[in-house]
Amino acid sequence: IIWIGPELESFLSRPLGNLSAAKQLALMNLPNLAWPHTDNHDDHDHQQDPHLWLNPQNMAVVAQAISQQLGLLDKNNQDIYQRNTQEFIARLNQLDDEIKQKMLPLRDKGFAVYHQAYGHYVDHYGLKQLGFLTLTPERKSGAKHLAALYKSLARDGQCIFAEPLMDKKKIEQLAKEHQLHLGYLDIMGIDANNYSQ
C-alpha cells in the first residue's frame, strides 16, 4: 500500500494498522523530501503540509522510493522500474523548469487559496500566498483568522482561488467584495491522467 500518511489519509490508519510495515510505504516518512518554509506562527503551523506532490522535486524522491520497493518485490523487472523512473524524473525536471518560468512574473502578486494545502507549491516557486479561507475543507475558520485574511487581501490581494468540490458562492462573493480575480485550482488532479497534467 502506497499512501501519503495519516496526516492526510487518517481513514486508512486503522485498516493499515493490521498490515506489516514492510507492506506499506508512507510517503510522508521518506527522507530527502523538501518541506515548505513558513513565516506563519499560527497554532496549527507545527504540522507538516502533507500535500507533498505539489513540489515536483518531491515527486522525484517518491518515484525513486516506489521504484526501489517494486524492484525488491519484482527483481526480474528491477531494471525496467529504474529506467522508467529515470525517464519520469527527466520529465519532472523539464516540467519544473517550465513552471518556474511561468511563475516568475507572478512572484509578487498576492493571492489567497481556499484551504491550506499549497505550501509545497508556493514555497518551491517563491509565490506570495497571503493566506487561506480554511485550514481544511472540513473545518470553518474563525472570525479573527478571516478578518486578518481580508485585511491582507485588501492591501495586497489580486486573486483568490477556489477548488472544484467546494461551495463557490462564498468565495465568489469574497472575490467581488475585494475586487479580486477568481481562479480555480484542482489540487487532486481530478481530470488528470498523469502527473504533468
Protein backbone atom coordinates (compact mmCIF):
# COMPACT_ATOMS: atom_id res chain seq x y z
CA ILE A 1 0.00 0.00 0.00
CA ILE A 2 1.37 3.38 -1.00
CA TRP A 3 -0.18 6.30 0.87
CA ILE A 4 0.75 9.82 1.93
CA GLY A 5 0.28 9.01 5.61
CA PRO A 6 -2.13 9.54 8.49
CA GLU A 7 -1.67 13.32 8.27
CA LEU A 8 -3.74 13.30 5.07
CA GLU A 9 -5.46 9.92 4.95
CA SER A 10 -6.41 9.33 8.57
CA PHE A 11 -9.20 7.00 7.46
CA LEU A 12 -6.50 4.49 6.40
CA SER A 13 -4.68 4.44 9.74
CA ARG A 14 -6.90 1.84 11.34
CA PRO A 15 -7.07 -0.64 8.43
CA LEU A 16 -3.33 -0.30 7.77
CA GLY A 17 -2.63 -0.92 11.45
CA ASN A 18 -3.14 -4.61 10.68
CA LEU A 19 -0.68 -4.58 7.77
CA SER A 20 3.03 -5.13 8.36
CA ALA A 21 5.28 -2.10 7.89
CA ALA A 22 7.09 -3.96 5.10
CA LYS A 23 3.88 -3.92 3.03
CA GLN A 24 3.22 -0.20 3.23
CA LEU A 25 5.04 2.90 2.07
CA ALA A 26 4.02 6.12 3.85
CA LEU A 27 5.34 8.91 1.61
CA MET A 28 5.38 11.50 4.43
CA ASN A 29 8.15 9.44 6.07
CA LEU A 30 10.52 9.40 3.10
CA PRO A 31 13.91 11.00 3.68
CA ASN A 32 15.06 13.83 1.40
CA LEU A 33 11.62 15.41 0.88
CA ALA A 34 11.57 19.20 0.67
CA TRP A 35 9.28 20.85 3.22
CA PRO A 36 7.88 24.38 2.90
CA HIS A 37 9.46 27.15 4.90
CA THR A 38 6.92 29.34 6.62
CA ASP A 39 6.79 32.64 8.49
CA ASN A 40 3.30 31.88 9.78
CA HIS A 41 3.22 31.15 13.50
CA ASP A 42 -0.41 30.08 13.84
CA ASP A 43 -1.01 27.29 16.34
CA HIS A 44 -1.54 24.71 13.58
CA ASP A 45 1.68 25.54 11.81
CA HIS A 46 3.79 22.91 13.57
CA GLN A 47 2.24 20.27 11.33
CA GLN A 48 3.92 19.42 8.05
CA ASP A 49 1.91 20.10 4.90
CA PRO A 50 1.01 16.63 3.57
CA HIS A 51 0.35 17.84 0.00
CA LEU A 52 3.93 16.98 -0.89
CA TRP A 53 3.16 16.15 -4.55
CA LEU A 54 2.84 19.87 -5.32
CA ASN A 55 6.63 20.13 -5.41
CA PRO A 56 7.95 18.21 -8.45
CA GLN A 57 11.25 17.58 -6.68
CA ASN A 58 9.36 15.64 -4.01
CA MET A 59 7.82 13.51 -6.71
CA ALA A 60 11.31 12.54 -7.85
CA VAL A 61 12.01 11.29 -4.31
CA VAL A 62 8.66 9.47 -4.29
CA ALA A 63 9.25 7.88 -7.70
CA GLN A 64 12.65 6.59 -6.60
CA ALA A 65 11.20 5.11 -3.39
CA ILE A 66 8.37 3.39 -5.26
CA SER A 67 10.76 2.10 -7.92
CA GLN A 68 13.09 0.71 -5.26
CA GLN A 69 10.20 -1.01 -3.47
CA LEU A 70 8.86 -2.51 -6.70
CA GLY A 71 12.35 -3.72 -7.57
CA LEU A 72 12.57 -5.54 -4.25
CA LEU A 73 9.21 -7.21 -4.86
CA ASP A 74 9.84 -7.98 -8.53
CA LYS A 75 13.59 -8.44 -9.05
CA ASN A 76 13.17 -9.66 -12.65
CA ASN A 77 11.88 -6.22 -13.70
CA GLN A 78 14.09 -4.08 -11.46
CA ASP A 79 15.92 -2.57 -14.45
CA ILE A 80 12.64 -1.61 -16.13
CA TYR A 81 11.42 0.15 -12.97
CA GLN A 82 14.70 2.02 -12.69
CA ARG A 83 14.70 3.07 -16.35
CA ASN A 84 11.07 4.23 -16.15
CA THR A 85 11.89 6.19 -13.01
CA GLN A 86 14.81 7.97 -14.65
CA GLU A 87 12.61 8.90 -17.64
CA PHE A 88 9.89 10.15 -15.28
CA ILE A 89 12.38 12.25 -13.32
CA ALA A 90 13.74 13.79 -16.55
CA ARG A 91 10.16 14.79 -17.49
CA LEU A 92 9.63 16.13 -13.96
CA ASN A 93 12.73 18.31 -14.21
CA GLN A 94 11.55 19.68 -17.54
CA LEU A 95 8.08 20.37 -16.12
CA ASP A 96 9.63 22.05 -13.08
CA ASP A 97 11.69 24.36 -15.31
CA GLU A 98 8.61 25.24 -17.38
CA ILE A 99 6.56 26.06 -14.28
CA LYS A 100 9.40 28.15 -12.80
CA GLN A 101 9.44 30.28 -15.98
CA LYS A 102 5.66 30.71 -15.90
CA MET A 103 5.65 31.67 -12.22
CA LEU A 104 8.47 34.24 -12.37
CA PRO A 105 6.25 37.19 -13.36
CA LEU A 106 3.72 36.24 -10.66
CA ARG A 107 6.04 36.12 -7.65
CA ASP A 108 4.94 39.48 -6.24
CA LYS A 109 1.19 39.02 -6.88
CA GLY A 110 -0.66 38.41 -3.61
CA PHE A 111 -3.30 35.71 -3.57
CA ALA A 112 -5.33 33.52 -1.23
CA VAL A 113 -6.48 29.93 -1.56
CA TYR A 114 -9.49 28.03 -0.31
CA HIS A 115 -7.67 25.77 2.15
CA GLN A 116 -4.14 25.45 3.49
CA ALA A 117 -2.73 22.94 1.04
CA TYR A 118 -0.40 24.74 -1.32
CA GLY A 119 2.67 25.30 0.85
CA HIS A 120 4.88 22.98 -1.20
CA TYR A 121 3.99 24.73 -4.45
CA VAL A 122 4.14 28.26 -3.03
CA ASP A 123 7.47 27.71 -1.33
CA HIS A 124 9.10 25.88 -4.24
CA TYR A 125 8.15 28.58 -6.76
CA GLY A 126 8.58 31.57 -4.43
CA LEU A 127 4.99 32.81 -4.66
CA LYS A 128 3.18 35.32 -2.43
CA GLN A 129 0.31 33.49 -0.77
CA LEU A 130 -1.43 35.83 1.66
CA GLY A 131 -3.49 33.17 3.37
CA PHE A 132 -6.31 30.67 3.12
CA LEU A 133 -10.01 30.67 3.89
CA THR A 134 -9.95 27.48 5.93
CA LEU A 135 -7.32 25.17 7.41
CA THR A 136 -9.05 22.09 5.99
CA PRO A 137 -12.22 21.71 3.91
CA GLU A 138 -13.89 20.08 6.92
CA ARG A 139 -13.19 22.98 9.32
CA LYS A 140 -14.50 26.53 9.22
CA SER A 141 -12.14 29.36 10.11
CA GLY A 142 -12.79 31.70 12.98
CA ALA A 143 -13.67 35.37 12.66
CA LYS A 144 -10.19 36.51 13.79
CA HIS A 145 -8.45 34.45 11.09
CA LEU A 146 -10.83 35.66 8.38
CA ALA A 147 -10.52 39.30 9.45
CA ALA A 148 -6.71 39.10 9.15
CA LEU A 149 -7.02 37.44 5.74
CA TYR A 150 -9.48 40.07 4.47
CA LYS A 151 -7.11 42.82 5.67
CA SER A 152 -4.20 41.21 3.77
CA LEU A 153 -6.32 40.79 0.65
CA ALA A 154 -7.49 44.41 0.80
CA ARG A 155 -3.87 45.55 0.99
CA ASP A 156 -2.03 43.16 -1.35
CA GLY A 157 -4.52 40.75 -2.86
CA GLN A 158 -5.01 40.32 -6.57
CA CYS A 159 -6.51 36.85 -6.83
CA ILE A 160 -8.31 34.16 -4.85
CA PHE A 161 -8.55 30.51 -5.78
CA ALA A 162 -11.48 28.16 -5.31
CA GLU A 163 -11.46 24.38 -5.64
CA PRO A 164 -13.75 22.12 -7.69
CA LEU A 165 -15.68 20.45 -4.86
CA MET A 166 -16.35 23.49 -2.67
CA ASP A 167 -19.36 25.78 -2.36
CA LYS A 168 -18.34 28.60 -4.69
CA LYS A 169 -20.89 31.22 -3.55
CA LYS A 170 -18.91 32.41 -0.54
CA ILE A 171 -15.64 32.71 -2.42
CA GLU A 172 -17.30 34.40 -5.40
CA GLN A 173 -18.81 36.95 -3.02
CA LEU A 174 -15.42 37.49 -1.38
CA ALA A 175 -13.75 38.00 -4.77
CA LYS A 176 -16.38 40.55 -5.72
CA GLU A 177 -16.15 42.44 -2.40
CA HIS A 178 -12.37 42.73 -2.58
CA GLN A 179 -12.19 43.15 -6.38
CA LEU A 180 -10.08 40.02 -6.77
CA HIS A 181 -9.67 37.82 -9.79
CA LEU A 182 -11.18 34.39 -9.17
CA GLY A 183 -9.38 31.25 -10.26
CA TYR A 184 -9.81 27.53 -9.72
CA LEU A 185 -7.19 25.04 -8.55
CA ASP A 186 -7.60 21.27 -8.71
CA ILE A 187 -5.18 20.02 -6.06
CA MET A 188 -6.16 16.38 -6.58
CA GLY A 189 -5.88 16.42 -10.37
CA ILE A 190 -9.44 15.11 -10.75
CA ASP A 191 -9.35 15.39 -14.55
CA ALA A 192 -5.65 14.48 -14.95
CA ASN A 193 -4.31 11.21 -16.32
CA ASN A 194 -0.69 11.79 -15.30
CA TYR A 195 1.42 13.94 -13.01
CA SER A 196 2.30 16.56 -15.64
CA GLN A 197 -1.35 17.28 -16.29
